[in-house]
Amino acid sequence: CLVFVRQTHPPTYTLISRSSVPTGFIGFAVNKGGDGIRFRFYETDIRFINSHSASGDG
């Protein structure tokens, strides 16, 4: 997960963290899974989540 930030804002991005979970072949291949990133911008918590599941799941 990538987040691009303009430099026009003062350094107001805090509490930045990320996580990823591979769920591909035997749990090791990286062709399936999910990742996310979260941060605080001023007083607002923002989260981005990306996932890629196998066909027919869900």
Protein backbone atom coordinates (compact mmCIF):
# COMPACT_ATOMS: atom_id res chain seq x y z
CA CYS A 1 0.00 0.00 0.00
CA LEU A 2 1.42 3.40 -0.96
CA VAL A 3 0.18 6.80 0.10
CA PHE A 4 1.52 9.92 -1.59
CA VAL A 5 1.45 13.14 0.43
CA ARG A 6 1.83 16.72 -0.73
CA GLN A 7 4.44 18.74 1.08
CA THR A 8 2.13 21.77 1.31
CA HIS A 9 0.83 20.57 4.67
CA PRO A 10 2.93 20.96 7.78
CA PRO A 11 4.03 17.67 9.36
CA THR A 12 0.56 16.74 10.60
CA TYR A 13 0.68 13.03 9.75
CA THR A 14 1.08 10.99 12.92
CA LEU A 15 0.45 7.46 14.21
CA ILE A 16 1.48 5.90 10.90
CA SER A 17 1.32 2.09 10.75
CA ARG A 18 0.92 -0.64 8.15
CA SER A 19 0.16 -4.34 8.03
CA SER A 20 0.02 -7.08 5.41
CA VAL A 21 -1.22 -10.67 5.35
CA PRO A 22 -0.13 -13.08 2.57
CA THR A 23 -2.71 -15.81 1.95
CA GLY A 24 -1.50 -17.28 -1.33
CA PHE A 25 -0.30 -20.83 -1.96
CA ILE A 26 0.35 -22.48 1.44
CA GLY A 27 0.32 -19.00 2.98
CA PHE A 28 3.66 -18.07 1.42
CA ALA A 29 2.90 -16.88 -2.11
CA VAL A 30 2.18 -13.18 -2.35
CA ASN A 31 -0.41 -13.40 -5.14
CA LYS A 32 -3.33 -13.26 -2.66
CA GLY A 33 -3.86 -11.46 0.62
CA GLY A 34 -4.34 -7.97 1.92
CA ASP A 35 -2.55 -4.96 3.23
CA GLY A 36 -3.48 -1.70 4.83
CA ILE A 37 -2.12 1.55 6.11
CA ARG A 38 -3.48 3.98 8.68
CA PHE A 39 -2.49 7.41 9.87
CA ARG A 40 -3.86 10.50 11.55
CA PHE A 41 -4.15 13.71 9.51
CA TYR A 42 -4.72 16.62 11.88
CA GLU A 43 -7.46 15.12 14.11
CA THR A 44 -8.87 12.62 11.57
CA ASP A 45 -7.97 8.91 11.47
CA ILE A 46 -7.64 7.63 7.89
CA ARG A 47 -7.34 3.98 6.81
CA PHE A 48 -6.76 2.39 3.41
CA ILE A 49 -7.34 -1.34 2.94
CA ASN A 50 -6.48 -3.40 -0.14
CA SER A 51 -7.30 -7.08 -0.58
CA HIS A 52 -7.06 -9.70 -3.31
CA SER A 53 -9.00 -12.89 -2.65
CA ALA A 54 -9.24 -16.10 -4.63
CA SER A 55 -11.99 -16.38 -7.21
CA GLY A 56 -15.28 -17.44 -5.65
CA ASP A 57 -14.31 -16.45 -2.09
CA GLY A 58 -16.61 -14.25 -0.10
